[in-house]
Protein backbone atom coordinates (compact mmCIF):
# COMPACT_ATOMS: atom_id res chain seq x y z
CA UNK A 1 47.72 -19.51 -35.82
CA UNK A 2 50.90 -18.02 -34.36
CA UNK A 3 51.37 -18.86 -30.50
CA UNK A 4 52.97 -16.29 -28.63
CA UNK A 5 52.92 -15.35 -25.10
CA UNK A 6 51.42 -11.95 -24.08
CA UNK A 7 52.03 -9.75 -20.73
CA UNK A 8 48.30 -9.50 -20.37
CA UNK A 9 45.43 -12.16 -20.42
CA UNK A 10 42.96 -12.00 -23.21
CA UNK A 11 39.74 -10.94 -21.63
CA UNK A 12 36.73 -12.48 -22.73
CA UNK A 13 32.99 -12.43 -22.15
CA UNK A 14 29.53 -12.98 -23.96
CA UNK A 15 27.54 -9.92 -22.69
CA UNK A 16 29.64 -6.99 -23.03
CA UNK A 17 33.51 -5.60 -23.56
CA UNK A 18 35.16 -2.48 -23.06
CA UNK A 19 38.80 -1.38 -23.84
CA UNK A 20 40.05 2.04 -23.18
CA UNK A 21 43.41 3.66 -22.29
CA UNK A 22 42.73 3.90 -18.40
CA UNK A 23 41.28 1.37 -16.06
CA UNK A 24 39.05 3.74 -14.49
CA UNK A 25 37.40 4.71 -17.41
CA UNK A 26 37.11 1.13 -18.50
CA UNK A 27 35.26 0.64 -15.32
CA UNK A 28 32.91 3.21 -16.02
CA UNK A 29 31.93 1.89 -19.30
CA UNK A 30 31.45 -1.83 -17.64
CA UNK A 31 29.17 -0.38 -15.04
CA UNK A 32 26.93 1.00 -17.46
CA UNK A 33 26.62 -2.14 -19.58
CA UNK A 34 25.79 -4.11 -16.36
CA UNK A 35 23.16 -1.89 -15.56
CA UNK A 36 21.59 -2.35 -18.86
CA UNK A 37 22.89 0.53 -20.78
CA UNK A 38 23.92 0.58 -24.42
CA UNK A 39 27.12 0.77 -26.23
CA UNK A 40 26.56 4.36 -26.86
CA UNK A 41 25.58 4.94 -23.12
CA UNK A 42 28.73 3.29 -22.21
CA UNK A 43 30.87 5.22 -24.73
CA UNK A 44 29.64 8.59 -23.23
CA UNK A 45 30.47 7.41 -19.54
CA UNK A 46 34.11 6.11 -20.91
CA UNK A 47 34.67 9.60 -22.98
CA UNK A 48 33.78 11.65 -20.07
CA UNK A 49 35.87 9.68 -17.63
CA UNK A 50 38.98 9.57 -20.08
CA UNK A 51 38.85 13.38 -20.10
CA UNK A 52 39.24 13.46 -16.41
CA UNK A 53 41.70 10.73 -15.54
CA UNK A 54 43.85 10.95 -18.63
CA UNK A 55 43.53 14.78 -19.05
CA UNK A 56 46.77 14.84 -21.10
CA UNK A 57 45.19 13.04 -23.82
CA UNK A 58 41.44 14.34 -24.21
CA UNK A 59 38.80 16.17 -22.51
CA UNK A 60 35.72 18.67 -23.01
CA UNK A 61 38.14 21.01 -24.57
CA UNK A 62 38.98 18.79 -27.62
CA UNK A 63 37.53 16.87 -30.57
CA UNK A 64 36.35 13.48 -31.10
CA UNK A 65 35.01 10.90 -33.74
CA UNK A 66 32.48 8.32 -32.58
CA UNK A 67 31.50 5.38 -35.04
CA UNK A 68 28.56 3.37 -34.11
CA UNK A 69 27.07 0.28 -35.46
CA UNK A 70 23.52 -0.73 -34.60
CA UNK A 71 22.51 -4.38 -34.26
CA UNK A 72 18.96 -3.73 -34.60
CA UNK A 73 19.09 -1.69 -38.00
CA UNK A 74 22.20 -3.11 -39.37
CA UNK A 75 23.43 0.48 -40.01
CA UNK A 76 26.55 2.28 -39.27
CA UNK A 77 26.99 5.89 -38.52
CA UNK A 78 29.81 8.34 -37.64
CA UNK A 79 29.31 11.30 -35.32
CA UNK A 80 32.40 13.96 -35.64
CA UNK A 81 32.62 16.41 -32.92
CA UNK A 82 35.08 18.95 -34.02
CA UNK A 83 34.97 22.66 -33.97
CA UNK A 84 35.40 25.09 -36.64
CA UNK A 85 38.44 27.67 -37.08
CA UNK A 86 37.67 30.60 -34.94
CA UNK A 87 36.17 33.60 -36.80
CA UNK A 88 39.37 35.72 -35.88
CA UNK A 89 41.74 32.98 -37.01
CA UNK A 90 43.20 34.19 -40.42
CA UNK A 91 46.02 33.32 -42.33
CA UNK A 92 47.23 36.91 -41.96
CA UNK A 93 47.00 37.08 -38.23
CA UNK A 94 49.05 33.88 -37.84
CA UNK A 95 51.82 35.08 -40.39
CA UNK A 96 51.99 38.10 -38.58
CA UNK A 97 52.62 36.03 -35.34
CA UNK A 98 55.45 34.25 -37.43
CA UNK A 99 53.28 30.98 -37.76
CA UNK A 100 50.90 28.83 -35.95
CA UNK A 101 52.14 28.37 -32.23
CA UNK A 102 52.26 24.55 -31.22
CA UNK A 103 50.83 25.38 -27.76
CA UNK A 104 49.58 28.47 -25.64
CA UNK A 105 46.25 30.30 -26.22
CA UNK A 106 46.79 31.12 -29.95
CA UNK A 107 46.95 27.11 -30.76
CA UNK A 108 43.37 26.74 -29.42
CA UNK A 109 40.65 25.98 -31.64
CA UNK A 110 36.86 25.75 -31.17
CA UNK A 111 36.24 22.65 -29.23
CA UNK A 112 33.82 20.37 -30.56
CA UNK A 113 33.91 16.78 -28.81
CA UNK A 114 30.66 17.49 -26.62
CA UNK A 115 28.65 17.84 -29.95
CA UNK A 116 29.73 14.65 -31.40
CA UNK A 117 29.18 12.84 -28.17
CA UNK A 118 25.64 14.32 -27.60
CA UNK A 119 24.54 13.39 -31.18
CA UNK A 120 26.15 9.76 -30.63
CA UNK A 121 23.73 9.67 -27.24
CA UNK A 122 20.77 10.97 -28.77
CA UNK A 123 20.62 8.59 -31.65
CA UNK A 124 21.52 5.57 -29.71
CA UNK A 125 21.28 6.11 -26.08
CA UNK A 126 19.13 3.98 -23.69
CA UNK A 127 19.78 5.56 -20.37
CA UNK A 128 19.41 9.15 -19.52
CA UNK A 129 22.23 11.63 -20.39
CA UNK A 130 22.69 12.97 -17.06
CA UNK A 131 23.01 9.35 -15.44
CA UNK A 132 26.08 8.77 -17.26
CA UNK A 133 28.45 11.17 -15.67
CA UNK A 134 28.68 9.92 -12.07
CA UNK A 135 32.07 8.23 -12.69
CA UNK A 136 33.65 11.28 -14.45
CA UNK A 137 32.41 13.77 -11.86
CA UNK A 138 33.59 11.59 -8.87
CA UNK A 139 37.10 11.24 -10.40
CA UNK A 140 37.24 14.98 -11.02
CA UNK A 141 35.89 15.90 -7.77
CA UNK A 142 37.66 13.35 -5.50
CA UNK A 143 40.71 13.06 -7.76
CA UNK A 144 42.64 10.30 -9.66
CA UNK A 145 45.68 8.49 -8.77
CA UNK A 146 48.72 9.64 -10.96
CA UNK A 147 50.10 6.86 -12.94
CA UNK A 148 53.72 6.39 -14.33
CA UNK A 149 52.30 7.20 -17.80
CA UNK A 150 50.72 10.40 -16.57
CA UNK A 151 54.00 11.35 -14.79
CA UNK A 152 56.08 10.82 -17.80
CA UNK A 153 53.80 13.06 -20.04
CA UNK A 154 53.65 15.85 -17.23
CA UNK A 155 57.56 15.83 -17.11
CA UNK A 156 57.65 15.84 -20.87
CA UNK A 157 55.13 18.78 -21.33
CA UNK A 158 56.64 20.67 -18.16
CA UNK A 159 57.52 23.94 -19.87
CA UNK A 160 54.10 23.83 -21.54
CA UNK A 161 52.11 23.58 -18.23
CA UNK A 162 54.43 25.97 -15.95
CA UNK A 163 53.06 29.21 -17.68
CA UNK A 164 49.58 28.57 -16.89
CA UNK A 165 48.66 29.11 -13.20
CA UNK A 166 45.89 26.70 -12.87
CA UNK A 167 47.56 23.99 -15.28
CA UNK A 168 50.55 24.35 -13.13
CA UNK A 169 48.86 24.05 -9.72
CA UNK A 170 46.67 21.02 -11.02
CA UNK A 171 49.14 18.95 -13.11
CA UNK A 172 52.64 20.30 -11.59
CA UNK A 173 51.90 20.86 -8.12
CA UNK A 174 54.86 22.56 -6.57
CA UNK A 175 56.38 22.87 -10.29
CA UNK A 176 56.90 19.07 -10.54
CA UNK A 177 54.80 16.14 -11.59
CA UNK A 178 52.86 14.56 -8.75
CA UNK A 179 54.41 11.52 -7.08
CA UNK A 180 53.35 8.10 -8.09
CA UNK A 181 49.85 7.48 -6.79
CA UNK A 182 49.48 11.05 -5.47
CA UNK A 183 45.78 12.36 -6.13
CA UNK A 184 45.16 14.87 -8.86
CA UNK A 185 41.67 16.67 -8.30
CA UNK A 186 40.01 18.96 -10.97
CA UNK A 187 37.15 20.50 -8.66
CA UNK A 188 36.25 23.32 -11.08
CA UNK A 189 36.11 20.38 -13.92
CA UNK A 190 33.78 18.66 -11.74
CA UNK A 191 31.45 21.54 -11.37
CA UNK A 192 31.52 21.89 -15.02
CA UNK A 193 30.90 18.33 -15.66
CA UNK A 194 27.81 18.36 -13.13
CA UNK A 195 26.39 21.44 -15.45
CA UNK A 196 26.90 19.49 -18.56
CA UNK A 197 25.11 16.60 -17.27
CA UNK A 198 22.06 18.71 -16.21
CA UNK A 199 22.10 21.34 -19.34
CA UNK A 200 23.40 19.08 -22.08
CA UNK A 201 25.37 20.04 -24.98
CA UNK A 202 22.96 23.01 -25.83
CA UNK A 203 24.24 24.63 -22.47
CA UNK A 204 27.81 23.79 -23.28
CA UNK A 205 27.63 25.67 -26.77
CA UNK A 206 25.13 28.07 -26.31
CA UNK A 207 23.75 28.70 -22.85
CA UNK A 208 25.09 29.70 -19.44
CA UNK A 209 28.12 27.24 -19.51
CA UNK A 210 29.02 28.55 -22.78
CA UNK A 211 29.40 31.93 -21.31
CA UNK A 212 31.52 30.98 -18.70
CA UNK A 213 33.64 28.92 -21.09
CA UNK A 214 33.85 31.81 -23.63
CA UNK A 215 34.87 34.27 -20.75
CA UNK A 216 37.69 31.60 -20.02
CA UNK A 217 38.65 31.54 -23.74
CA UNK A 218 38.87 35.11 -23.87
CA UNK A 219 40.64 35.79 -20.64
CA UNK A 220 43.19 33.21 -21.42
CA UNK A 221 43.83 35.04 -24.84
CA UNK A 222 42.53 32.57 -27.24
CA UNK A 223 40.83 33.46 -30.63
CA UNK A 224 37.69 31.51 -29.77
CA UNK A 225 34.76 33.48 -29.09
CA UNK A 226 31.13 32.85 -27.88
CA UNK A 227 29.94 33.01 -31.69
CA UNK A 228 32.52 30.46 -32.61
CA UNK A 229 31.08 28.07 -29.58
CA UNK A 230 27.46 28.76 -30.86
CA UNK A 231 28.28 27.70 -34.34
CA UNK A 232 29.25 24.33 -33.41
CA UNK A 233 27.36 21.25 -34.68
CA UNK A 234 27.94 17.79 -34.87
CA UNK A 235 28.84 15.98 -38.18
CA UNK A 236 26.82 12.99 -38.83
CA UNK A 237 27.82 10.69 -41.89
CA UNK A 238 28.00 7.21 -42.94
CA UNK A 239 31.44 5.43 -42.78
CA UNK A 240 33.27 5.10 -45.86
CA UNK A 241 33.93 1.54 -46.66
CA UNK A 242 36.10 -0.90 -48.60
CA UNK A 243 36.03 -4.73 -49.45
CA UNK A 244 39.25 -6.44 -48.51
CA UNK A 245 39.78 -10.37 -47.89
CA UNK A 246 36.25 -11.20 -47.19
CA UNK A 247 35.77 -8.26 -44.59
CA UNK A 248 34.28 -4.91 -45.25
CA UNK A 249 36.71 -2.43 -43.85
CA UNK A 250 34.85 0.88 -42.51
CA UNK A 251 36.60 4.04 -41.57
CA UNK A 252 35.40 7.46 -40.33
CA UNK A 253 34.94 10.12 -43.33
CA UNK A 254 36.20 13.38 -43.80
CA UNK A 255 37.49 15.39 -41.86
CA UNK A 256 39.26 12.07 -40.89
CA UNK A 257 42.01 10.86 -42.89
CA UNK A 258 41.01 7.21 -42.12
CA UNK A 259 40.86 6.65 -45.96
CA UNK A 260 44.92 6.50 -46.04
CA UNK A 261 44.54 3.13 -43.90
CA UNK A 262 42.23 1.50 -46.42
CA UNK A 263 44.69 2.76 -49.30
CA UNK A 264 47.66 0.81 -47.53
CA UNK A 265 45.51 -2.36 -46.98
CA UNK A 266 44.45 -2.28 -50.74
CA UNK A 267 47.99 -2.00 -51.89
CA UNK A 268 48.73 -5.22 -49.82
CA UNK A 269 46.18 -7.13 -51.79
CA UNK A 270 48.34 -7.07 -54.89
CA UNK A 271 51.11 -9.26 -52.98
CA UNK A 272 51.18 -12.58 -51.17
CA UNK A 273 51.52 -11.13 -47.80
CA UNK A 274 50.63 -14.35 -46.06
CA UNK A 275 53.54 -16.12 -47.51
CA UNK A 276 55.66 -13.44 -46.28
CA UNK A 277 55.37 -14.33 -42.64
CA UNK A 278 54.30 -12.02 -39.60
CA UNK A 279 57.04 -9.97 -38.67
CA UNK A 280 59.27 -10.57 -41.62
CA UNK A 281 61.64 -8.10 -43.30
CA UNK A 282 59.49 -8.34 -46.75
CA UNK A 283 56.38 -7.79 -45.12
CA UNK A 284 57.44 -4.84 -43.17
CA UNK A 285 59.18 -3.35 -46.18
CA UNK A 286 55.82 -3.86 -48.26
CA UNK A 287 53.61 -2.15 -45.70
CA UNK A 288 56.12 0.79 -45.19
CA UNK A 289 56.16 1.43 -48.85
CA UNK A 290 52.37 1.14 -49.06
CA UNK A 291 52.27 3.55 -46.39
CA UNK A 292 54.18 6.08 -48.16
CA UNK A 293 52.14 6.15 -51.24
CA UNK A 294 49.21 6.48 -49.21
CA UNK A 295 50.34 9.60 -47.59
CA UNK A 296 51.10 11.13 -51.07
CA UNK A 297 47.31 11.04 -51.55
CA UNK A 298 46.67 11.88 -47.83
CA UNK A 299 48.59 15.30 -48.18
CA UNK A 300 47.03 16.03 -51.41
CA UNK A 301 43.53 15.20 -50.52
CA UNK A 302 42.84 15.38 -46.65
CA UNK A 303 41.30 18.74 -45.73
CA UNK A 304 38.95 18.73 -48.80
CA UNK A 305 35.27 19.05 -47.79
CA UNK A 306 34.56 15.95 -49.91
CA UNK A 307 37.55 14.11 -50.86
CA UNK A 308 37.22 11.86 -54.01
CA UNK A 309 36.98 8.67 -52.14
CA UNK A 310 35.72 6.60 -55.06
CA UNK A 311 38.94 7.30 -56.95
CA UNK A 312 41.14 7.11 -53.98
CA UNK A 313 39.93 3.71 -52.99
CA UNK A 314 39.33 2.33 -56.61
CA UNK A 315 41.37 -1.05 -57.52
CA UNK A 316 42.90 0.75 -60.40
CA UNK A 317 44.75 3.27 -57.93
CA UNK A 318 45.39 0.57 -55.56
CA UNK A 319 47.12 -1.54 -58.56
CA UNK A 320 49.07 1.36 -59.60
CA UNK A 321 50.62 2.21 -55.98
CA UNK A 322 51.25 -1.31 -55.87
CA UNK A 323 53.10 -1.74 -59.03
CA UNK A 324 55.50 1.20 -58.14
CA UNK A 325 56.68 -0.65 -54.88
CA UNK A 326 60.13 -2.27 -55.48
CA UNK A 327 62.46 -4.24 -53.10
CA UNK A 328 64.26 -1.26 -52.05
CA UNK A 329 63.11 1.98 -50.13
CA UNK A 330 61.73 4.68 -51.97
CA UNK A 331 62.35 8.25 -51.20
CA UNK A 332 58.90 9.94 -51.38
CA UNK A 333 58.50 13.22 -49.39
CA UNK A 334 55.31 14.59 -49.40
CA UNK A 335 54.00 17.65 -51.05
CA UNK A 336 56.26 20.34 -49.10
CA UNK A 337 52.72 22.53 -48.81
CA UNK A 338 51.20 20.51 -47.62
CA UNK A 339 53.23 14.73 -32.79
CA UNK A 340 50.11 14.25 -31.39
CA UNK A 341 48.42 12.72 -28.59
CA UNK A 342 44.98 11.27 -28.38
CA UNK A 343 42.97 8.26 -26.87
CA UNK A 344 40.89 5.51 -28.27
CA UNK A 345 38.49 3.30 -26.97
CA UNK A 346 35.76 0.66 -27.86
CA UNK A 347 32.60 -0.81 -26.59
CA UNK A 348 30.25 -3.73 -27.38
CA UNK A 349 27.03 -4.24 -25.41
CA UNK A 350 25.04 -7.52 -24.81
CA UNK A 351 22.79 -6.69 -28.24
CA UNK A 352 26.00 -6.45 -30.32
CA UNK A 353 25.80 -2.85 -30.50
CA UNK A 354 29.29 -1.42 -31.19
CA UNK A 355 31.26 1.81 -30.85
CA UNK A 356 34.84 2.75 -32.16
CA UNK A 357 35.80 5.84 -30.67
CA UNK A 358 38.75 8.31 -30.73
CA UNK A 359 39.23 11.65 -28.89
CA UNK A 360 41.99 14.27 -28.32
CA UNK A 361 43.50 17.66 -27.35
CA UNK A 362 45.89 17.22 -30.21
CA UNK A 363 49.33 17.19 -28.40
CA UNK A 364 49.56 15.98 -24.73
CA UNK A 365 47.92 18.68 -22.34
CA UNK A 366 46.73 20.53 -25.52
CA UNK A 367 47.56 24.00 -25.57
CA UNK A 368 48.54 23.90 -21.79
CA UNK A 369 45.86 26.30 -20.48
CA UNK A 370 42.85 25.62 -18.15
CA UNK A 371 40.07 27.79 -17.83
CA UNK A 372 39.64 29.08 -14.29
CA UNK A 373 36.06 29.28 -14.51
CA UNK A 374 35.20 25.80 -15.99
CA UNK A 375 38.46 24.01 -15.22
CA UNK A 376 38.31 22.90 -19.02
CA UNK A 377 41.72 22.10 -20.54
CA UNK A 378 42.10 23.71 -24.01
CA UNK A 379 43.08 21.92 -27.18
CA UNK A 380 45.96 23.08 -29.55
CA UNK A 381 44.27 21.84 -32.69
CA UNK A 382 44.99 25.27 -34.53
CA UNK A 383 48.67 23.72 -35.34
CA UNK A 384 46.99 21.37 -37.61
CA UNK A 385 46.28 24.02 -40.22
CA UNK A 386 48.33 24.90 -43.21
CA UNK A 387 49.11 28.63 -44.13
CA UNK A 388 50.15 28.18 -47.79
CA UNK A 389 48.23 28.94 -50.64
CA UNK A 390 46.40 26.21 -52.56
CA UNK A 391 46.97 23.41 -49.61
CA UNK A 392 43.59 21.42 -49.17
CA UNK A 393 43.92 22.00 -45.52
CA UNK A 394 44.57 25.80 -45.55
CA UNK A 395 43.18 27.81 -42.78
CA UNK A 396 40.08 30.01 -43.25
CA UNK A 397 37.69 31.26 -40.39
CA UNK A 398 34.68 28.66 -40.00
CA UNK A 399 36.67 25.70 -41.72
CA UNK A 400 36.78 22.40 -40.12
CA UNK A 401 40.44 20.99 -39.78
CA UNK A 402 41.72 17.63 -41.13
CA UNK A 403 42.29 15.16 -38.63
CA UNK A 404 44.37 12.09 -38.30
CA UNK A 405 42.05 10.65 -35.72
CA UNK A 406 40.16 7.72 -37.13
CA UNK A 407 38.05 4.90 -35.67
CA UNK A 408 37.85 1.93 -37.67
CA UNK A 409 35.61 -1.35 -37.82
CA UNK A 410 36.22 -4.62 -39.72
CA UNK A 411 32.75 -6.06 -40.52
CA UNK A 412 32.20 -9.94 -41.54
CA UNK A 413 28.97 -11.23 -42.45
CA UNK A 414 27.06 -8.14 -41.74
CA UNK A 415 28.45 -7.81 -38.12
CA UNK A 416 31.08 -6.25 -36.44
CA UNK A 417 34.19 -8.57 -36.39
CA UNK A 418 37.00 -6.37 -34.86
CA UNK A 419 36.92 -3.00 -33.28
CA UNK A 420 40.34 -1.54 -32.99
CA UNK A 421 42.13 1.90 -33.14
CA UNK A 422 45.11 3.88 -31.36
CA UNK A 423 46.16 7.41 -30.80
CA UNK A 424 49.52 8.70 -32.43
CA UNK A 425 48.69 11.47 -35.04
CA UNK A 426 50.18 10.58 -38.22
CA UNK A 427 51.08 6.91 -37.08
CA UNK A 428 47.45 5.98 -36.25
CA UNK A 429 46.56 4.58 -39.72
CA UNK A 430 49.90 2.74 -39.88
CA UNK A 431 49.65 1.05 -36.68
CA UNK A 432 45.90 0.15 -37.35
CA UNK A 433 46.94 -1.42 -40.54
CA UNK A 434 49.37 -3.66 -38.64
CA UNK A 435 47.06 -4.69 -36.02
CA UNK A 436 44.34 -5.62 -38.56
CA UNK A 437 46.90 -7.56 -40.79
CA UNK A 438 48.09 -9.34 -37.86
CA UNK A 439 44.67 -10.52 -36.70
CA UNK A 440 43.06 -11.09 -39.89
CA UNK A 441 45.84 -12.55 -41.99
CA UNK A 442 48.13 -14.30 -39.53
CA UNK A 443 45.59 -15.26 -36.94
CA UNK A 444 47.07 -13.53 -33.86
CA UNK A 445 44.43 -12.93 -31.33
CA UNK A 446 43.77 -9.38 -30.33
CA UNK A 447 46.17 -9.28 -27.14
CA UNK A 448 48.89 -10.71 -29.31
CA UNK A 449 48.59 -8.37 -31.94
CA UNK A 450 48.54 -5.81 -29.55
CA UNK A 451 51.80 -6.67 -27.78
CA UNK A 452 53.48 -7.39 -31.17
CA UNK A 453 56.50 -5.37 -32.01
CA UNK A 454 55.64 -2.17 -34.16
CA UNK A 455 57.02 0.38 -36.49
CA UNK A 456 56.13 3.88 -37.76
CA UNK A 457 57.39 5.61 -41.07
CA UNK A 458 57.86 9.44 -41.30
CA UNK A 459 58.60 11.22 -44.59
CA UNK A 460 59.66 14.88 -45.00
CA UNK A 461 56.74 17.18 -44.81
CA UNK A 462 54.50 14.74 -43.38
CA UNK A 463 54.09 16.11 -39.78
CA UNK A 464 50.39 17.35 -39.24
CA UNK A 465 51.57 19.91 -36.48
CA UNK A 466 52.76 23.35 -37.98
CA UNK A 467 55.23 23.84 -39.43
CA UNK A 468 54.50 20.31 -40.90
CA UNK A 469 58.35 19.19 -41.03
CA UNK A 470 59.55 15.61 -40.46
CA UNK A 471 62.31 13.43 -41.43
CA UNK A 472 62.60 10.26 -43.37
CA UNK A 473 62.81 7.83 -40.87
CA UNK A 474 61.74 4.16 -40.09
CA UNK A 475 61.34 3.84 -36.42
CA UNK A 476 60.96 0.21 -35.22
CA UNK A 477 60.77 -1.41 -31.72
CA UNK A 478 63.73 -3.37 -30.88
CA UNK A 479 61.52 -6.62 -30.55
CA UNK A 480 61.27 -6.61 -34.25
CA UNK A 481 64.57 -8.49 -34.09
CA UNK A 482 68.26 -7.96 -35.32
CA UNK A 483 68.10 -9.80 -38.61
CA UNK A 484 64.80 -7.91 -39.72
CA UNK A 485 66.13 -4.56 -38.85
CA UNK A 486 69.38 -5.34 -40.59
CA UNK A 487 67.55 -6.46 -43.63
CA UNK A 488 65.68 -3.11 -43.66
CA UNK A 489 68.60 -1.22 -43.39
CA UNK A 490 70.07 -3.23 -46.65
CA UNK A 491 67.01 -2.17 -48.24
CA UNK A 492 67.89 1.42 -47.85
CA UNK A 493 65.46 2.48 -45.17
CA UNK A 494 66.83 4.68 -42.49
CA UNK A 495 66.06 2.81 -39.38
CA UNK A 496 65.71 4.16 -35.86
CA UNK A 497 65.51 1.48 -33.14
CA UNK A 498 63.57 2.51 -29.92
CA UNK A 499 62.26 0.84 -26.89
CA UNK A 500 58.43 0.00 -26.84
CA UNK A 501 56.67 2.87 -28.29
CA UNK A 502 54.41 4.79 -26.14
CA UNK A 503 52.55 7.49 -28.00
CA UNK A 504 51.57 5.88 -31.20
CA UNK A 505 51.37 2.37 -29.86
CA UNK A 506 48.11 2.46 -27.42
CA UNK A 507 45.93 0.19 -28.95
CA UNK A 508 42.42 -0.99 -27.88
CA UNK A 509 40.57 -3.83 -29.49
CA UNK A 510 37.45 -6.03 -29.39
CA UNK A 511 37.16 -8.92 -31.50
CA UNK A 512 33.65 -10.66 -31.83
CA UNK A 513 33.69 -14.46 -32.49
CA UNK A 514 30.85 -16.54 -34.45
CA UNK A 515 29.75 -17.72 -30.97
CA UNK A 516 29.00 -14.34 -29.40
CA UNK A 517 32.22 -14.44 -27.26
CA UNK A 518 33.75 -10.72 -26.93
CA UNK A 519 37.65 -10.70 -26.96
CA UNK A 520 38.95 -7.35 -25.38
CA UNK A 521 42.53 -6.48 -25.54
CA UNK A 522 44.61 -3.68 -24.47
CA UNK A 523 48.08 -2.27 -24.98
CA UNK A 524 50.61 -2.35 -22.11
CA UNK A 525 52.50 0.37 -23.53
CA UNK A 526 50.55 2.90 -21.69
CA UNK A 527 47.75 2.67 -18.99
CA UNK A 528 45.33 0.67 -21.29
CA UNK A 529 42.80 -1.58 -19.64
CA UNK A 530 40.36 -4.12 -21.00
CA UNK A 531 37.12 -5.86 -19.51
CA UNK A 532 34.52 -8.19 -20.59
CA UNK A 533 31.71 -9.94 -19.10
């Protein structure tokens, strides 16, 4: 095992664990677990609270993926809460606009998160739905303290928030980000959460709450109508899976593009990565090149209703990709036809039930528009669509867009071994692969793995947001080391050295030991916080 000092302690307990991107949300989940709630119950509390205290990352106006494992049945299921493109959203409409805007009302797609969250709770909840809202309602009504991270995102997205009166007044009081520790209250959102607690998802999509939400969406200038909300249904499906080094790696299926992480890891099996050494130039080069090839398949297949997973995850395809990796950087722009922000969390309860979850508005603060009746911040997920003919992710009314969001689990001996994930759009599967290799191959504990230096690779045409551009660059944290960075440049990589990555490096993880101890870890790059008992 590699021994490295971490800035944060590894949290350990035997009865439950929560790791999320905000201390208030983690506390909400722990409160539910201590009261006898299930992992699904705690996930609901964490999800709702994150939407309040981390409003720039997720909320009722966005989407979510929830990956659940049941200790009693030994079965896993995924619950996707993602809305369809509005009926009025056509290729012709957006071409007339000059393309798909990356923020503002026309960037908003039908929100679906609440449907996925409610389906998770209906299947696996032990506590009443309404009893899981108190922390979120309190945080919205009484306010949360603005963190340094919140202030940075509000500063970065200032021009996006200023045009909308409620977004400006809430997140930029006086036209500037609130001071560190200033209280940010969202009274309209608190009232909406109370109504959602009482009326459930049915009210959100097809009841009186839906009517108010539809009115907000219409008055704000979005294309989302009441009929679009009424059409939202959760997508329930088993995870896709692959055997790897004695583990079973599970990922969220379509419309998630989590299969790209599995492809990367399958290619690594054709090389002696353990002999390369953790953090070495050779290992980083190999993983970057594996990522490039996985993203060729991602661009060709992500967006299909049913991608050919059997072919994409076959040993033959992994071997062919691996054989093409050479000692120098390859230049592989993804198909020209064809950065977002998100939040990840995970939960494990006393019985061993587990949830790996991720939710998003797409970019930070989404569309930058808040509904005055509901206080709901709208997403900008329409920016993920393509407009060109023949692309598997081409916009059509009623279609479900592809997502970079993925919520993996690593299983061993029939039980969850590691829950882990990160925000970061196209960088998610790359960071997830690095974390798993660090823990499963090189023996780092979860906190060490989460604090280890990272890299992210971009290719021309890769970016998920319209117009889907992107440059050929390997972005690395300075902590990787001067010798490694020099070696990567010598191999032909266009290297950009940066301080700690904040957006795509906000991992949360829970590792289950054979003796029942849960190790919970959080990423110091943002506001992450873990707890265990």
